[in-house]
Protein backbone atom coordinates (compact mmCIF):
# COMPACT_ATOMS: atom_id res chain seq x y z
CA MET A 1 19.29 10.12 -23.99
CA SER A 2 18.93 8.07 -20.79
CA TYR A 3 20.36 8.93 -17.36
CA ARG A 4 22.89 6.19 -17.90
CA ASN A 5 24.27 7.51 -21.20
CA LEU A 6 24.26 11.08 -19.94
CA PHE A 7 26.25 10.05 -16.87
CA TRP A 8 28.91 8.16 -18.82
CA GLY A 9 29.22 10.95 -21.36
CA THR A 10 29.84 13.43 -18.58
CA LEU A 11 32.52 11.22 -17.06
CA PHE A 12 34.32 10.93 -20.41
CA LEU A 13 34.28 14.67 -21.01
CA CYS A 14 35.59 15.37 -17.54
CA GLY A 15 38.39 12.84 -17.92
CA VAL A 16 37.38 10.77 -14.94
CA ALA A 17 36.42 7.54 -16.67
CA GLY A 18 36.67 4.58 -14.33
CA ALA A 19 35.23 6.40 -11.32
CA SER A 20 32.50 3.73 -11.07
CA GLU A 21 34.70 0.66 -11.56
CA VAL A 22 33.90 -0.78 -8.12
CA SER A 23 30.28 -1.92 -7.91
CA LEU A 24 28.14 -0.96 -4.96
CA GLN A 25 27.77 -4.61 -3.98
CA LYS A 26 31.56 -5.14 -3.93
CA GLU A 27 32.13 -1.92 -2.02
CA ILE A 28 29.76 -2.94 0.75
CA ASP A 29 30.90 -6.57 0.79
CA ARG A 30 34.55 -5.53 1.21
CA ALA A 31 33.66 -3.14 4.02
CA VAL A 32 31.74 -5.92 5.79
CA GLU A 33 34.71 -8.28 5.37
CA ARG A 34 36.94 -5.66 7.03
CA GLY A 35 34.54 -5.51 9.95
CA ASP A 36 33.39 -1.93 9.29
CA LYS A 37 30.25 -1.04 11.23
CA ARG A 38 29.79 2.33 9.56
CA ILE A 39 30.07 2.21 5.78
CA VAL A 40 30.12 5.56 3.96
CA LEU A 41 29.67 5.19 0.22
CA SER A 42 32.55 6.55 -1.84
CA GLN A 43 30.80 7.55 -5.08
CA LYS A 44 28.06 9.98 -5.96
CA GLU A 45 26.25 7.63 -8.33
CA TYR A 46 25.91 3.87 -8.62
CA GLN A 47 24.26 1.95 -11.43
CA LEU A 48 22.89 -1.49 -10.67
CA ASP A 49 21.86 -4.23 -13.08
CA ALA A 50 21.00 -6.58 -10.20
CA PRO A 51 19.57 -5.88 -6.74
CA LEU A 52 21.95 -4.83 -3.98
CA LYS A 53 21.83 -7.73 -1.50
CA LEU A 54 22.25 -6.95 2.18
CA ARG A 55 22.45 -10.20 4.14
CA ASN A 56 23.08 -11.04 7.81
CA LEU A 57 24.26 -7.55 8.78
CA THR A 58 24.07 -6.60 12.46
CA ASP A 59 24.65 -3.26 14.21
CA CYS A 60 25.65 -1.59 10.96
CA VAL A 61 25.12 1.82 9.32
CA ILE A 62 25.27 2.28 5.54
CA ASP A 63 25.53 6.03 4.89
CA GLY A 64 25.01 6.98 1.26
CA ASP A 65 26.55 10.43 1.74
CA ASN A 66 23.90 11.72 -0.70
CA ALA A 67 24.72 9.09 -3.33
CA ARG A 68 22.28 8.29 -6.08
CA ILE A 69 21.44 4.65 -6.85
CA ILE A 70 20.01 3.92 -10.30
CA MET A 71 18.58 0.53 -11.19
CA THR A 72 19.12 -0.09 -14.90
CA ARG A 73 16.50 -2.86 -15.13
CA ASN A 74 12.89 -1.84 -14.62
CA ASP A 75 11.93 -5.43 -13.77
CA HIS A 76 14.25 -5.73 -10.73
CA CYS A 77 14.18 -4.76 -7.07
CA VAL A 78 16.78 -2.17 -6.06
CA ILE A 79 17.72 -3.42 -2.59
CA THR A 80 16.87 -6.64 -0.75
CA LEU A 81 17.52 -7.08 2.96
CA LYS A 82 17.42 -10.46 4.67
CA ASN A 83 18.29 -11.52 8.22
CA CYS A 84 19.58 -8.04 9.06
CA ASP A 85 19.30 -6.73 12.62
CA ARG A 86 19.78 -3.14 13.77
CA LEU A 87 20.80 -1.95 10.30
CA LYS A 88 20.46 1.72 9.36
CA LEU A 89 20.33 2.85 5.73
CA CYS A 90 20.47 6.61 5.21
CA ASN A 91 21.33 9.62 3.04
CA LEU A 92 20.71 8.40 -0.49
CA SER A 93 18.26 8.52 -3.39
CA ILE A 94 16.88 5.74 -5.58
CA ASP A 95 15.70 5.89 -9.18
CA TYR A 96 15.20 3.68 -12.23
CA ASP A 97 16.49 4.12 -15.78
CA PRO A 98 14.64 2.98 -17.81
CA LEU A 99 11.58 4.03 -15.84
CA PRO A 100 9.06 1.37 -14.78
CA PHE A 101 6.25 3.43 -16.30
CA THR A 102 5.56 5.38 -19.44
CA GLN A 103 3.29 8.34 -19.96
CA GLY A 104 1.53 10.24 -22.69
CA VAL A 105 -1.47 12.29 -23.77
CA ILE A 106 -4.97 11.47 -25.00
CA THR A 107 -5.16 12.75 -28.57
CA ALA A 108 -8.71 11.69 -29.47
CA ARG A 109 -11.77 9.90 -28.13
CA THR A 110 -14.31 7.92 -30.13
CA GLY A 111 -17.05 6.56 -27.88
CA ARG A 112 -15.18 4.68 -25.20
CA THR A 113 -12.02 4.32 -27.29
CA LEU A 114 -9.12 6.58 -26.32
CA HIS A 115 -6.22 7.28 -28.68
CA PHE A 116 -2.95 8.28 -27.06
CA THR A 117 0.63 9.22 -27.88
CA ILE A 118 3.66 8.54 -25.64
CA ASP A 119 5.65 11.56 -24.49
CA GLN A 120 9.09 12.09 -25.96
CA GLY A 121 11.87 10.65 -23.80
CA TYR A 122 9.72 8.08 -21.98
CA PRO A 123 9.83 4.28 -22.47
CA PRO A 124 8.25 3.08 -25.71
CA LEU A 125 5.11 0.98 -25.62
CA SER A 126 5.65 -2.74 -25.19
CA GLY A 127 3.62 -5.66 -23.93
CA LYS A 128 4.53 -5.09 -20.30
CA PHE A 129 2.85 -1.66 -20.37
CA ALA A 130 -0.35 -2.91 -22.03
CA ASN A 131 -2.28 -2.93 -18.76
CA SER A 132 -5.98 -3.28 -18.03
CA TYR A 133 -5.99 0.18 -16.42
CA ILE A 134 -4.63 3.68 -16.94
CA HIS A 135 -3.92 6.51 -14.50
CA VAL A 136 -5.43 9.82 -15.63
CA PHE A 137 -4.05 13.30 -14.90
CA ASP A 138 -5.18 16.79 -15.84
CA PRO A 139 -3.90 18.31 -19.11
CA ALA A 140 -1.24 20.36 -17.31
CA GLY A 141 0.05 17.25 -15.53
CA ARG A 142 -0.18 19.01 -12.17
CA PHE A 143 -2.73 16.71 -10.50
CA TRP A 144 -4.68 13.50 -10.89
CA LYS A 145 -7.83 14.33 -12.81
CA LYS A 146 -10.43 15.40 -10.30
CA ASN A 147 -13.60 13.32 -10.13
CA CYS A 148 -12.20 10.70 -12.47
CA PRO A 149 -12.35 7.24 -10.88
CA ASP A 150 -10.06 4.35 -11.70
CA VAL A 151 -10.23 3.67 -15.43
CA TYR A 152 -10.19 0.03 -16.54
CA GLY A 153 -10.31 -1.52 -19.97
CA LYS A 154 -8.05 -2.90 -22.70
CA CYS A 155 -4.85 -1.40 -24.08
CA THR A 156 -3.82 -2.01 -27.69
CA ILE A 157 -0.35 -1.11 -28.96
CA LEU A 158 -0.27 0.39 -32.44
CA ASP A 159 3.43 1.20 -32.58
CA PRO A 160 6.13 2.18 -30.00
CA THR A 161 4.62 5.62 -29.46
CA HIS A 162 0.91 5.18 -30.18
CA GLY A 163 -1.88 3.10 -28.74
CA THR A 164 -5.57 2.89 -27.97
CA PHE A 165 -7.43 2.14 -24.74
CA GLN A 166 -10.96 0.75 -24.75
CA MET A 167 -12.69 1.82 -21.51
CA ARG A 168 -15.09 -0.58 -19.83
CA GLN A 169 -17.34 2.28 -18.77
CA ASP A 170 -18.02 5.81 -19.91
CA ASP A 171 -15.38 7.46 -17.74
CA LEU A 172 -14.51 11.13 -17.65
CA VAL A 173 -11.45 11.05 -19.93
CA GLU A 174 -11.03 13.64 -22.68
CA PRO A 175 -8.49 14.67 -25.33
CA GLY A 176 -5.68 16.57 -23.70
CA ASP A 177 -5.75 14.52 -20.49
CA ARG A 178 -2.45 12.95 -19.58
CA ILE A 179 -2.06 9.26 -18.71
CA VAL A 180 0.39 6.80 -17.16
CA LEU A 181 0.80 3.11 -17.94
CA ASN A 182 2.97 1.35 -15.41
CA LEU A 183 4.42 -1.97 -14.32
CA ARG A 184 3.18 -3.39 -11.01
CA ASN A 185 6.04 -5.69 -10.06
CA PRO A 186 8.61 -6.12 -8.57
CA ASN A 187 8.98 -3.98 -5.45
CA GLY A 188 11.72 -1.46 -4.79
CA VAL A 189 13.26 -2.07 -1.35
CA VAL A 190 12.36 -5.53 -0.03
CA MET A 191 12.83 -6.80 3.54
CA SER A 192 12.43 -10.27 5.04
CA GLN A 193 13.32 -11.81 8.41
CA CYS A 194 14.85 -8.58 9.71
CA SER A 195 14.52 -6.57 12.92
CA GLU A 196 15.07 -2.97 14.04
CA LEU A 197 15.75 -1.57 10.58
CA VAL A 198 16.03 2.20 10.20
CA PHE A 199 15.53 4.11 6.94
CA GLU A 200 16.45 7.77 7.25
CA ASP A 201 16.78 10.66 4.78
CA ILE A 202 16.03 8.55 1.71
CA THR A 203 14.34 9.85 -1.44
CA LEU A 204 12.77 7.29 -3.75
CA TYR A 205 11.66 8.62 -7.12
CA THR A 206 10.03 5.52 -8.55
CA SER A 207 9.53 1.79 -8.16
CA PRO A 208 7.79 -0.86 -10.32
CA GLY A 209 5.77 -1.94 -7.29
CA VAL A 210 5.68 -1.18 -3.55
CA ALA A 211 8.43 1.26 -2.63
CA PHE A 212 9.27 -0.35 0.77
CA HIS A 213 7.97 -3.91 1.15
CA SER A 214 8.40 -5.80 4.44
CA ARG A 215 7.37 -9.38 5.22
CA PHE A 216 8.04 -11.80 8.09
CA CYS A 217 10.11 -9.35 10.10
CA LYS A 218 10.61 -9.44 13.85
CA THR A 219 9.95 -5.70 14.07
CA GLY A 220 8.39 -3.36 11.54
CA GLY A 221 11.14 -0.74 11.37
CA VAL A 222 11.61 3.01 11.60
CA TYR A 223 11.16 5.44 8.69
CA ARG A 224 12.29 9.05 9.18
CA ARG A 225 12.29 11.72 6.48
CA VAL A 226 11.69 9.20 3.72
CA ARG A 227 10.31 10.89 0.62
CA ILE A 228 8.51 9.19 -2.27
CA ILE A 229 8.13 11.89 -4.89
CA ARG A 230 8.20 12.43 -8.64
CA GLY A 231 11.72 12.39 -10.02
CA PRO A 232 13.51 14.75 -12.41
CA ARG A 233 12.64 15.00 -16.08
CA PRO A 234 14.45 12.25 -18.04
CA ALA A 235 17.17 13.33 -20.43
CA GLY A 236 15.63 14.08 -23.82
CA ALA A 237 12.08 14.29 -22.44
CA ASP A 238 9.78 17.18 -23.24
CA ARG A 239 7.52 16.69 -20.20
CA GLU A 240 7.96 16.36 -16.45
CA ARG A 241 7.18 13.03 -14.83
CA LEU A 242 3.57 12.39 -13.83
CA PHE A 243 4.17 9.46 -11.51
CA ALA A 244 6.31 8.09 -8.69
CA SER A 245 5.88 4.50 -7.47
CA ALA A 246 3.39 2.09 -8.97
CA ALA A 247 1.96 0.64 -5.75
CA ASP A 248 2.10 1.36 -1.99
CA GLY A 249 4.66 3.57 -0.32
CA ILE A 250 5.31 1.39 2.76
CA ASN A 251 3.63 -2.02 3.01
CA ILE A 252 4.35 -4.08 6.14
CA ALA A 253 2.60 -7.41 6.68
CA ASN A 254 2.96 -10.68 8.55
CA SER A 255 5.42 -8.99 10.88
CA ARG A 256 5.54 -7.98 14.48
CA GLY A 257 5.16 -4.32 15.33
CA ASN A 258 7.23 -1.50 16.79
CA ILE A 259 6.73 0.62 13.66
CA LYS A 260 7.53 4.33 13.51
CA ILE A 261 6.89 6.43 10.41
CA GLU A 262 7.73 10.09 11.00
CA ASN A 263 8.20 13.25 8.93
CA CYS A 264 7.88 11.40 5.61
CA GLU A 265 6.27 12.37 2.32
CA PHE A 266 4.13 10.05 0.20
CA SER A 267 3.01 11.30 -3.20
CA TRP A 268 2.05 10.31 -6.76
CA LEU A 269 1.58 6.68 -5.79
CA GLY A 270 -0.41 4.09 -7.71
CA ASP A 271 -1.83 2.68 -4.47
CA ASP A 272 -1.86 3.33 -0.69
CA GLY A 273 0.62 5.52 1.14
CA ILE A 274 0.96 3.11 4.08
CA ASN A 275 -0.52 -0.38 4.36
CA LEU A 276 -0.17 -2.40 7.59
CA HIS A 277 -1.82 -5.80 7.83
CA GLY A 278 -1.69 -9.45 8.75
CA GLU A 279 -3.09 -12.51 7.01
CA LEU A 280 -6.44 -14.27 7.05
CA LEU A 281 -5.77 -18.01 6.99
CA PRO A 282 -8.14 -21.00 6.83
CA VAL A 283 -8.74 -23.88 9.18
CA ALA A 284 -8.20 -26.20 6.24
CA ARG A 285 -8.15 -29.60 7.93
CA LYS A 286 -8.69 -30.43 11.61
CA LYS A 287 -6.43 -33.04 13.16
CA SER A 288 -7.90 -32.87 16.69
CA ASP A 289 -9.79 -30.41 18.86
CA ARG A 290 -6.42 -28.77 19.66
CA SER A 291 -4.65 -28.88 16.30
CA PHE A 292 -5.31 -28.27 12.62
CA GLU A 293 -3.60 -27.63 9.31
CA THR A 294 -3.64 -24.33 7.47
CA LEU A 295 -2.18 -23.23 4.15
CA TYR A 296 -0.78 -20.11 2.52
CA PRO A 297 -0.62 -19.57 -1.27
CA TYR A 298 3.11 -18.93 -1.49
CA GLY A 299 6.03 -21.32 -1.61
CA LYS A 300 8.15 -22.07 1.44
CA TYR A 301 11.11 -20.08 0.12
CA LYS A 302 9.23 -16.83 0.87
CA THR A 303 6.99 -17.89 3.78
CA HIS A 304 8.29 -17.80 7.35
CA PHE A 305 5.35 -17.85 9.77
CA GLU A 306 7.22 -20.22 12.07
CA GLU A 307 9.83 -17.49 12.70
CA ILE A 308 7.44 -14.73 13.79
CA VAL A 309 4.54 -16.57 15.45
CA ARG A 310 5.41 -17.11 19.11
CA PRO A 311 4.02 -19.48 21.73
CA GLY A 312 1.39 -17.59 23.68
CA ASP A 313 0.18 -15.47 20.76
CA THR A 314 -3.61 -15.16 20.60
CA ILE A 315 -5.37 -16.78 17.66
CA ARG A 316 -8.86 -15.52 16.71
CA PHE A 317 -11.27 -17.81 14.87
CA LEU A 318 -13.64 -16.03 12.49
CA ARG A 319 -16.97 -17.02 11.01
CA LYS A 320 -17.02 -16.96 7.24
CA GLY A 321 -19.37 -14.30 5.92
CA ASP A 322 -19.30 -11.49 8.47
CA TYR A 323 -16.03 -12.63 10.12
CA ALA A 324 -17.31 -12.34 13.64
CA VAL A 325 -14.95 -13.76 16.28
CA ILE A 326 -16.28 -17.20 17.22
CA GLY A 327 -13.42 -18.38 19.44
CA GLU A 328 -9.95 -17.62 20.78
CA ALA A 329 -7.03 -19.63 22.08
CA LYS A 330 -3.29 -19.36 22.65
CA ILE A 331 -0.82 -20.83 20.21
CA VAL A 332 1.52 -23.54 21.46
CA ALA A 333 3.23 -24.24 18.13
CA PHE A 334 3.02 -23.05 14.52
CA GLN A 335 5.26 -25.31 12.48
CA PRO A 336 5.69 -26.28 8.81
CA GLY A 337 3.54 -29.22 7.80
CA LYS A 338 3.40 -31.61 4.90
CA ASN A 339 2.20 -30.34 1.56
CA THR A 340 -0.17 -32.87 0.01
CA GLN A 341 -2.15 -32.81 -3.18
CA ALA A 342 -5.40 -32.97 -1.22
CA ILE A 343 -4.70 -29.80 0.77
CA GLU A 344 -3.17 -28.00 -2.21
CA LYS A 345 -6.48 -28.34 -4.07
CA LEU A 346 -8.13 -26.21 -1.37
CA ALA A 347 -6.03 -23.11 -2.09
CA PRO A 348 -8.19 -21.56 -4.86
CA GLU A 349 -11.27 -21.80 -2.66
CA TYR A 350 -9.64 -20.01 0.27
CA PHE A 351 -7.59 -17.50 -1.75
CA PRO A 352 -9.61 -16.74 -4.90
CA VAL A 353 -7.56 -13.67 -5.95
CA ARG A 354 -4.09 -15.00 -5.13
CA GLY A 355 -1.84 -17.00 -7.37
CA THR A 356 -1.24 -20.59 -6.27
CA SER A 357 2.06 -21.39 -7.94
CA GLY A 358 3.37 -22.54 -4.58
CA ILE A 359 1.69 -23.63 -1.35
CA SER A 360 3.00 -23.63 2.22
CA VAL A 361 1.30 -25.85 4.81
CA TYR A 362 1.49 -25.31 8.57
CA GLU A 363 0.33 -27.32 11.55
CA VAL A 364 -1.08 -25.25 14.40
CA THR A 365 -1.25 -26.53 17.98
CA LEU A 366 -3.40 -24.77 20.60
CA ASP A 367 -3.30 -24.57 24.39
CA ARG A 368 -6.87 -25.85 24.79
CA PRO A 369 -9.66 -27.51 22.81
CA VAL A 370 -11.74 -25.30 20.54
CA THR A 371 -14.96 -26.07 18.73
CA VAL A 372 -14.73 -24.45 15.33
CA PRO A 373 -15.63 -25.91 11.93
CA GLU A 374 -13.29 -26.74 9.09
CA GLY A 375 -13.52 -24.00 6.52
CA CYS A 376 -13.66 -21.12 8.98
CA PHE A 377 -10.79 -18.65 9.16
CA PHE A 378 -8.41 -17.22 11.72
CA ASP A 379 -5.97 -14.39 12.21
CA ILE A 380 -3.16 -13.64 14.67
CA PRO A 381 -3.21 -9.97 15.78
CA ALA A 382 0.36 -10.01 17.12
CA ILE A 383 1.81 -10.52 13.63
CA ALA A 384 -0.44 -7.98 11.90
CA ALA A 385 2.09 -5.14 12.36
CA ALA A 386 0.52 -4.27 15.71
CA GLY A 387 2.07 -1.36 17.59
CA PHE A 388 2.65 1.62 15.30
CA GLU A 389 3.15 5.38 15.27
CA VAL A 390 2.46 7.40 12.13
CA LYS A 391 3.21 11.05 12.89
CA ASN A 392 3.91 14.33 11.12
CA ASN A 393 3.80 12.96 7.57
CA PHE A 394 2.48 14.49 4.35
CA PHE A 395 0.28 12.35 2.07
CA HIS A 396 -0.80 13.89 -1.21
CA ASP A 397 -1.76 13.21 -4.80
CA HIS A 398 -2.16 9.47 -5.06
CA ARG A 399 -4.89 7.21 -6.29
CA ALA A 400 -5.77 4.99 -3.33
CA ARG A 401 -5.84 5.57 0.44
CA GLY A 402 -3.48 7.68 2.45
CA ILE A 403 -3.19 5.15 5.28
CA ARG A 404 -4.73 1.66 5.19
CA ILE A 405 -4.52 0.04 8.63
CA MET A 406 -5.56 -3.50 9.53
CA SER A 407 -3.55 -3.50 12.75
CA SER A 408 -4.06 -2.60 16.40
CA HIS A 409 -2.44 -0.55 19.15
CA GLY A 410 -1.34 2.53 17.26
CA VAL A 411 -1.40 6.29 16.88
CA ILE A 412 -1.99 8.32 13.69
CA GLU A 413 -1.24 11.90 14.62
CA ASN A 414 -0.52 15.34 13.09
CA ASN A 415 -0.43 14.18 9.46
CA ARG A 416 -1.60 16.11 6.39
CA PHE A 417 -3.68 14.57 3.60
CA GLU A 418 -4.38 16.45 0.38
CA ARG A 419 -5.92 15.34 -2.92
CA ILE A 420 -6.10 11.64 -2.09
CA LYS A 421 -8.48 9.93 -4.52
CA GLN A 422 -9.86 7.44 -1.99
CA SER A 423 -10.02 7.70 1.82
CA GLY A 424 -7.48 9.51 3.94
CA VAL A 425 -7.36 6.94 6.78
CA THR A 426 -9.09 3.57 6.90
CA LEU A 427 -9.10 1.23 9.89
CA GLY A 428 -10.50 -2.25 9.48
CA ALA A 429 -10.16 -5.66 7.88
CA GLU A 430 -9.97 -6.69 4.22
CA TYR A 431 -11.19 -10.17 5.13
CA SER A 432 -13.09 -10.76 1.92
CA HIS A 433 -11.26 -10.71 -1.40
CA TRP A 434 -7.74 -9.65 -0.33
CA ARG A 435 -7.68 -11.79 2.88
CA GLU A 436 -5.78 -9.10 4.75
CA ALA A 437 -6.28 -9.06 8.52
CA GLY A 438 -7.68 -7.77 10.69
CA TRP A 439 -10.09 -6.01 13.05
CA CYS A 440 -8.57 -2.86 14.59
CA GLU A 441 -8.43 -2.21 18.33
CA ASP A 442 -6.92 0.50 20.52
CA VAL A 443 -6.08 3.09 17.82
CA VAL A 444 -6.00 6.89 18.15
CA VAL A 445 -6.49 9.14 15.09
CA ARG A 446 -5.72 12.62 16.35
CA GLY A 447 -4.87 16.09 15.11
CA ASN A 448 -4.76 15.30 11.38
CA ARG A 449 -5.72 17.66 8.52
CA PHE A 450 -7.62 16.48 5.42
CA LEU A 451 -8.29 18.57 2.32
CA ASP A 452 -10.01 17.50 -0.93
CA VAL A 453 -10.05 13.77 -0.17
CA GLY A 454 -12.11 11.20 -2.06
CA TYR A 455 -13.18 13.04 -5.21
CA GLY A 456 -14.62 10.59 -7.71
CA MET A 457 -13.81 7.52 -5.62
CA ILE A 458 -15.28 7.29 -2.12
CA ASP A 459 -18.81 8.16 -3.23
CA SER A 460 -18.90 5.21 -5.61
CA PRO A 461 -21.63 2.57 -5.13
CA GLN A 462 -18.78 0.01 -4.96
CA CYS A 463 -16.92 1.80 -2.14
CA TYR A 464 -16.97 -0.09 1.16
CA ALA A 465 -14.98 2.57 3.08
CA PRO A 466 -16.83 5.73 1.98
CA GLY A 467 -15.38 8.24 4.42
CA VAL A 468 -12.33 10.49 4.76
CA ILE A 469 -11.70 8.69 8.05
CA ALA A 470 -13.36 5.28 7.79
CA LEU A 471 -13.76 2.38 10.20
CA PHE A 472 -14.68 -0.39 7.79
CA ALA A 473 -14.74 -4.11 7.09
CA ARG A 474 -14.72 -5.91 3.79
CA LEU A 475 -17.11 -8.81 4.21
CA ASP A 476 -18.80 -11.53 2.19
CA ARG A 477 -22.18 -10.61 3.69
CA TYR A 478 -23.52 -7.13 4.49
CA PRO A 479 -24.38 -5.44 6.69
CA GLY A 480 -23.37 -8.19 9.11
CA GLN A 481 -23.72 -8.21 12.87
CA SER A 482 -20.13 -8.19 14.06
CA CYS A 483 -18.57 -5.05 15.56
CA GLY A 484 -14.95 -6.11 15.35
CA ASN A 485 -13.32 -2.66 15.31
CA ARG A 486 -13.10 -1.60 18.95
CA LYS A 487 -11.75 1.07 21.28
CA ILE A 488 -11.00 3.70 18.65
CA THR A 489 -10.56 7.43 19.38
CA ILE A 490 -10.97 9.99 16.59
CA ALA A 491 -10.19 13.47 17.94
CA ASP A 492 -9.16 17.00 16.94
CA ASN A 493 -9.15 16.29 13.18
CA VAL A 494 -10.05 18.87 10.53
CA ILE A 495 -11.76 17.53 7.38
CA VAL A 496 -12.53 19.89 4.49
CA ASN A 497 -14.18 19.05 1.14
CA SER A 498 -15.25 15.50 0.40
CA PRO A 499 -18.24 14.05 -1.46
CA GLY A 500 -18.34 11.16 1.01
CA ALA A 501 -18.68 11.10 4.77
CA GLY A 502 -16.18 13.02 6.83
CA ILE A 503 -16.18 10.16 9.36
CA PHE A 504 -17.63 6.73 8.48
CA LEU A 505 -18.19 4.14 11.22
CA PHE A 506 -19.07 0.57 10.29
CA ALA A 507 -18.86 -2.71 12.24
CA SER A 508 -17.45 -0.81 15.21
CA GLU A 509 -18.04 -0.36 18.91
CA ASP A 510 -16.61 1.68 21.78
CA VAL A 511 -15.63 4.58 19.53
CA THR A 512 -15.05 8.10 20.84
CA LEU A 513 -15.40 11.12 18.55
CA ARG A 514 -14.15 14.36 20.08
CA ASN A 515 -13.58 17.91 18.79
CA ASN A 516 -13.57 17.05 15.08
CA GLN A 517 -14.28 19.79 12.51
CA LEU A 518 -16.05 18.84 9.26
CA LYS A 519 -16.70 21.27 6.42
CA ASN A 520 -18.38 20.56 3.09
CA CYS A 521 -18.68 16.78 3.47
CA ALA A 522 -21.30 14.23 2.39
CA TRP A 523 -22.73 16.22 -0.53
CA SER A 524 -22.63 13.55 -3.25
CA SER A 525 -25.85 13.05 -5.20
CA ARG A 526 -25.22 9.32 -5.46
CA MET A 527 -25.17 6.89 -2.55
CA PRO A 528 -21.69 5.68 -1.56
CA GLY A 529 -21.58 1.97 -0.83
CA LYS A 530 -25.01 1.36 -2.31
CA ASP A 531 -23.86 -2.06 -3.53
CA PHE A 532 -23.30 -3.01 0.14
CA ARG A 533 -26.74 -1.77 1.23
CA PHE A 534 -25.37 1.41 2.79
CA ALA A 535 -27.94 4.22 3.03
CA ASN A 536 -28.50 7.71 4.46
CA LEU A 537 -25.17 9.41 3.73
CA ALA A 538 -24.19 11.89 6.45
CA PRO A 539 -21.07 13.85 7.50
CA VAL A 540 -20.73 11.48 10.46
CA TRP A 541 -22.18 8.23 9.09
CA ARG A 542 -22.88 5.25 11.34
CA ILE A 543 -23.85 1.77 10.16
CA ASN A 544 -23.85 -1.30 12.42
CA THR A 545 -22.22 0.37 15.43
CA ARG A 546 -22.53 0.20 19.20
CA ASN A 547 -21.56 2.51 22.04
CA ILE A 548 -20.44 5.56 20.06
CA ILE A 549 -19.57 8.63 22.15
CA GLU A 550 -19.62 11.90 20.19
CA GLU A 551 -18.51 15.18 21.75
CA ASN A 552 -18.33 18.62 20.16
CA THR A 553 -18.39 17.74 16.46
CA GLN A 554 -18.38 20.97 14.44
CA MET A 555 -20.00 20.71 11.01
CA GLU A 556 -20.37 23.30 8.27
CA ALA A 557 -22.32 22.29 5.21
CA VAL A 558 -22.07 23.80 1.75
CA PRO A 559 -25.28 22.86 -0.13
CA ARG A 560 -24.80 20.83 -3.29
CA LYS A 561 -27.45 19.51 -5.67
CA GLY A 562 -25.24 16.96 -7.34
CA PRO A 563 -22.21 16.84 -9.59
CA THR A 564 -21.26 20.04 -11.33
CA LYS A 565 -20.55 20.10 -15.03
CA GLY A 566 -17.70 17.75 -15.87
CA GLU A 567 -17.93 15.67 -12.69
CA SER A 568 -18.27 11.91 -12.87
CA ARG A 569 -21.75 10.46 -12.38
CA ARG A 570 -20.65 6.85 -12.38
């Protein structure tokens, strides 16, 4: 029985049928029409079959009073916010029924072919769950499977409760292991063109994609006591949930800063806990030495650079390959341009991993002449979520990175990281592949605690950020000569147990390391980042760096001769 049926059955038995006659959308719309600035929800549970739309609200508080919001479509967002300023959303929980993932157990393995059965009470197998990857957990379902990297391959549905998965490589998956197959779209709470949003005392149990997704906002928002955790066992299920949200916890991009994330919990995520970044855009066609056209692989209905780029913002021009800064100027104007067939044809070249179902073209005007070639790239640091505080949060048990920062002017302080499959904190640019900007400058990583981070992931030959704390860059050409990450302080952190480096520094300069404690790091028998020509793994690992100041690093090594029995050797 689903949450929905259980809820309605309870109402009927209690004789209170009709308690949910007014939809959440109507309740809020009527309060707004009355001019209410503080809206306290009247019911304890709301079921949505379409996203709750919050539009053009200013100086308003929506207090859930501990209400529970359930989205009854696993292919919908829960809440969308647009053009809202100084809006606070608080005291509620969010869930989906049906869930946007299903889960089961490996019943047999033949070579690289896994046979699995779906757990009772979870969504049946259908085409939307037949992904090219699976998430693998230990047989008890308590943790992600240690030393098991991401598992990719092909899923075949046999019937609604049985399937097979053909692994691409000989991964460490065995009968009895538990697995999740999930959706990866859409996102849960979606924001656009907003400012000064506050999310407080909210628990989100699951989402088909990113839990909190923010784009083209005038400020990044405040998150206090937001929890992303595994939800309760579904009605009729014989197993607890393995999973929370399918992608990132909080993802803020192409927005201005003033971001505060405090006392939150991020767990059981299919991707990063926090991701802050801007965009790498091309100089597609020069019009003069002071103006050019650029493009973005999304349609105009969801692209609003002209609203957040301001006159006077610095633009950095970057050389393709190692993405060294080859010029800077100030922006005079950043305005929509004309979409032509000629410029649209350039999109696949500049954005090889993005869809190009829609293209937005912009004309950029500069304050002075610049000599840069067509085909180079640029970023705008001011709209890369610059200016952030991430303090006193708990990151645990998810498959990607705890915090993935491509922004500047921030503090990451007094957080805990436990059992993160990839890095705990990464600072740097995803210029190649993802086209997420950019170089990090003026960031302090201080007083954080890391335990059991990176098992089976950061010591991979394909890992380009192979440290618990990693200053990195994703480039077309390695090792490169640019040192774009600058003025970083890493101090008073405690790092315990990782096969990769405790601290990894790449493409960085003017970095201060002070009073960090590292125990049992850098013991992997394989070379992390070997595919990028990285060599000589060490607890504090430096590649292509300048002016590094290191004071009072305390290191305790536990000798290892390689993977123990059962650990991945891939």
